[in-house]
Amino acid sequence: MQYLLSVINDKLELAPSEEMATIDEFNDQLQADGHWVFAGGLGFPDTATVIDNRSGDAVMTDGPFVESKEYLAGFWIIEAPDLDVALKLAAEGSKACNRKIEVRPFL
């Protein structure tokens, strides 16, 4: 089963090089253990554009969809046999990146 591990940040700053090195080690371990599917970091919220085309006339708005102190800073998509393994990996990822992680299964 695949899970989305969302990295939640509350600071508008990039991870320092020491954290990046720890994240790289975590990524390497995910790959070695066969859990890695995909991962990526995201731009700051002010780089977002929201598009609403529900009415058939696309409206584009600069900035994040929701104004909030916390934002989605990055993510991992992992393969895990069950939620318990996904939660264990999320705990390791949280420690590696020094941020909160939200875990959601793909349907």
C-alpha atoms as a PDB file:
ATOM      1  CA  MET A   1       0.000   0.000   0.000  1.00  0.00           C
ATOM      2  CA  GLN A   2       1.187   3.522  -0.688  1.00  0.00           C
ATOM      3  CA  TYR A   3       1.154   6.393   1.794  1.00  0.00           C
ATOM      4  CA  LEU A   4       1.678  10.134   1.529  1.00  0.00           C
ATOM      5  CA  LEU A   5       3.971  11.520   4.230  1.00  0.00           C
ATOM      6  CA  SER A   6       3.443  15.288   4.243  1.00  0.00           C
ATOM      7  CA  VAL A   7       6.135  17.463   5.816  1.00  0.00           C
ATOM      8  CA  ILE A   8       4.527  20.276   7.810  1.00  0.00           C
ATOM      9  CA  ASN A   9       6.642  23.349   8.522  1.00  0.00           C
ATOM     10  CA  ASP A  10       5.949  26.514  10.484  1.00  0.00           C
ATOM     11  CA  LYS A  11       9.066  28.478   9.546  1.00  0.00           C
ATOM     12  CA  LEU A  12       9.690  30.223   6.236  1.00  0.00           C
ATOM     13  CA  GLU A  13      13.260  29.021   5.913  1.00  0.00           C
ATOM     14  CA  LEU A  14      15.074  26.200   4.177  1.00  0.00           C
ATOM     15  CA  ALA A  15      16.497  23.329   6.177  1.00  0.00           C
ATOM     16  CA  PRO A  16      20.110  23.901   7.236  1.00  0.00           C
ATOM     17  CA  SER A  17      22.779  21.734   5.612  1.00  0.00           C
ATOM     18  CA  GLU A  18      22.997  19.406   8.641  1.00  0.00           C
ATOM     19  CA  GLU A  19      19.270  18.625   8.361  1.00  0.00           C
ATOM     20  CA  MET A  20      19.572  18.158   4.586  1.00  0.00           C
ATOM     21  CA  ALA A  21      22.332  15.592   5.160  1.00  0.00           C
ATOM     22  CA  THR A  22      20.118  13.717   7.643  1.00  0.00           C
ATOM     23  CA  ILE A  23      17.198  13.835   5.209  1.00  0.00           C
ATOM     24  CA  ASP A  24      19.459  12.443   2.459  1.00  0.00           C
ATOM     25  CA  GLU A  25      20.441   9.563   4.766  1.00  0.00           C
ATOM     26  CA  PHE A  26      16.765   8.869   5.490  1.00  0.00           C
ATOM     27  CA  ASN A  27      15.995   8.931   1.757  1.00  0.00           C
ATOM     28  CA  ASP A  28      18.862   6.506   1.089  1.00  0.00           C
ATOM     29  CA  GLN A  29      17.495   4.138   3.758  1.00  0.00           C
ATOM     30  CA  LEU A  30      13.971   4.316   2.298  1.00  0.00           C
ATOM     31  CA  GLN A  31      15.409   3.341  -1.086  1.00  0.00           C
ATOM     32  CA  ALA A  32      17.592   0.543   0.320  1.00  0.00           C
ATOM     33  CA  ASP A  33      14.632  -0.938   2.221  1.00  0.00           C
ATOM     34  CA  GLY A  34      12.277  -0.795  -0.791  1.00  0.00           C
ATOM     35  CA  HIS A  35       9.904   1.837   0.657  1.00  0.00           C
ATOM     36  CA  TRP A  36      10.841   4.708  -1.680  1.00  0.00           C
ATOM     37  CA  VAL A  37       8.378   5.729  -4.396  1.00  0.00           C
ATOM     38  CA  PHE A  38       8.936   9.476  -4.772  1.00  0.00           C
ATOM     39  CA  ALA A  39       9.743  12.551  -2.696  1.00  0.00           C
ATOM     40  CA  GLY A  40      10.178  16.265  -3.123  1.00  0.00           C
ATOM     41  CA  GLY A  41      10.450  19.614  -1.425  1.00  0.00           C
ATOM     42  CA  LEU A  42       8.047  22.420  -2.296  1.00  0.00           C
ATOM     43  CA  GLY A  43       8.430  26.157  -2.710  1.00  0.00           C
ATOM     44  CA  PHE A  44       7.291  28.532   0.004  1.00  0.00           C
ATOM     45  CA  PRO A  45       3.536  29.287   0.162  1.00  0.00           C
ATOM     46  CA  ASP A  46       3.932  32.694  -1.471  1.00  0.00           C
ATOM     47  CA  THR A  47       5.071  30.936  -4.677  1.00  0.00           C
ATOM     48  CA  ALA A  48       1.720  29.138  -5.010  1.00  0.00           C
ATOM     49  CA  THR A  49      -0.996  29.861  -7.540  1.00  0.00           C
ATOM     50  CA  VAL A  50      -4.548  28.637  -6.959  1.00  0.00           C
ATOM     51  CA  ILE A  51      -6.666  27.924 -10.051  1.00  0.00           C
ATOM     52  CA  ASP A  52     -10.455  27.621  -9.827  1.00  0.00           C
ATOM     53  CA  ASN A  53     -12.089  26.497 -13.054  1.00  0.00           C
ATOM     54  CA  ARG A  54     -15.300  25.084 -11.563  1.00  0.00           C
ATOM     55  CA  SER A  55     -17.405  27.640 -13.420  1.00  0.00           C
ATOM     56  CA  GLY A  56     -15.630  27.054 -16.732  1.00  0.00           C
ATOM     57  CA  ASP A  57     -13.870  30.414 -16.517  1.00  0.00           C
ATOM     58  CA  ALA A  58     -10.479  29.813 -14.873  1.00  0.00           C
ATOM     59  CA  VAL A  59      -9.681  32.249 -12.072  1.00  0.00           C
ATOM     60  CA  MET A  60      -6.055  32.356 -10.923  1.00  0.00           C
ATOM     61  CA  THR A  61      -5.073  33.712  -7.519  1.00  0.00           C
ATOM     62  CA  ASP A  62      -1.508  34.247  -6.351  1.00  0.00           C
ATOM     63  CA  GLY A  63      -0.539  32.856  -2.970  1.00  0.00           C
ATOM     64  CA  PRO A  64      -1.585  29.884  -0.905  1.00  0.00           C
ATOM     65  CA  PHE A  65      -5.077  28.380  -0.873  1.00  0.00           C
ATOM     66  CA  VAL A  66      -5.281  28.759   2.906  1.00  0.00           C
ATOM     67  CA  GLU A  67      -3.603  31.401   5.035  1.00  0.00           C
ATOM     68  CA  SER A  68      -1.981  29.495   7.870  1.00  0.00           C
ATOM     69  CA  LYS A  69       1.087  29.511  10.089  1.00  0.00           C
ATOM     70  CA  GLU A  70       1.861  25.938   8.997  1.00  0.00           C
ATOM     71  CA  TYR A  71       2.297  24.843   5.403  1.00  0.00           C
ATOM     72  CA  LEU A  72       3.196  21.826   3.289  1.00  0.00           C
ATOM     73  CA  ALA A  73       6.970  22.019   2.840  1.00  0.00           C
ATOM     74  CA  GLY A  74       7.531  18.686   1.110  1.00  0.00           C
ATOM     75  CA  PHE A  75       6.460  15.070   0.981  1.00  0.00           C
ATOM     76  CA  TRP A  76       7.403  11.446   0.564  1.00  0.00           C
ATOM     77  CA  ILE A  77       5.329   8.819  -1.172  1.00  0.00           C
ATOM     78  CA  ILE A  78       6.248   5.479   0.327  1.00  0.00           C
ATOM     79  CA  GLU A  79       5.342   1.829  -0.101  1.00  0.00           C
ATOM     80  CA  ALA A  80       4.572   0.048   3.184  1.00  0.00           C
ATOM     81  CA  PRO A  81       2.776  -3.209   3.968  1.00  0.00           C
ATOM     82  CA  ASP A  82       0.498  -1.553   6.554  1.00  0.00           C
ATOM     83  CA  LEU A  83      -0.210   1.602   8.522  1.00  0.00           C
ATOM     84  CA  ASP A  84       2.020   0.559  11.420  1.00  0.00           C
ATOM     85  CA  VAL A  85       5.078   0.451   9.146  1.00  0.00           C
ATOM     86  CA  ALA A  86       4.066   3.765   7.527  1.00  0.00           C
ATOM     87  CA  LEU A  87       3.770   5.400  10.962  1.00  0.00           C
ATOM     88  CA  LYS A  88       7.174   4.046  11.997  1.00  0.00           C
ATOM     89  CA  LEU A  89       8.734   5.440   8.815  1.00  0.00           C
ATOM     90  CA  ALA A  90       6.953   8.772   9.348  1.00  0.00           C
ATOM     91  CA  ALA A  91       8.411   8.974  12.867  1.00  0.00           C
ATOM     92  CA  GLU A  92      11.884   8.396  11.418  1.00  0.00           C
ATOM     93  CA  GLY A  93      11.223  11.011   8.729  1.00  0.00           C
ATOM     94  CA  SER A  94      10.025  13.521  11.315  1.00  0.00           C
ATOM     95  CA  LYS A  95      13.231  13.065  13.274  1.00  0.00           C
ATOM     96  CA  ALA A  96      15.350  13.317  10.105  1.00  0.00           C
ATOM     97  CA  CYS A  97      13.781  16.570   8.879  1.00  0.00           C
ATOM     98  CA  ASN A  98      12.951  18.018  12.314  1.00  0.00           C
ATOM     99  CA  ARG A  99       9.368  18.731  11.304  1.00  0.00           C
ATOM    100  CA  LYS A 100       5.887  17.289  11.825  1.00  0.00           C
ATOM    101  CA  ILE A 101       4.701  14.609   9.396  1.00  0.00           C
ATOM    102  CA  GLU A 102       1.108  13.854   8.411  1.00  0.00           C
ATOM    103  CA  VAL A 103       0.432  10.307   7.170  1.00  0.00           C
ATOM    104  CA  ARG A 104      -2.376   9.480   4.716  1.00  0.00           C
ATOM    105  CA  PRO A 105      -3.018   6.316   2.739  1.00  0.00           C
ATOM    106  CA  PHE A 106      -3.740   6.474  -0.973  1.00  0.00           C
ATOM    107  CA  LEU A 107      -7.151   5.014  -1.874  1.00  0.00           C
END
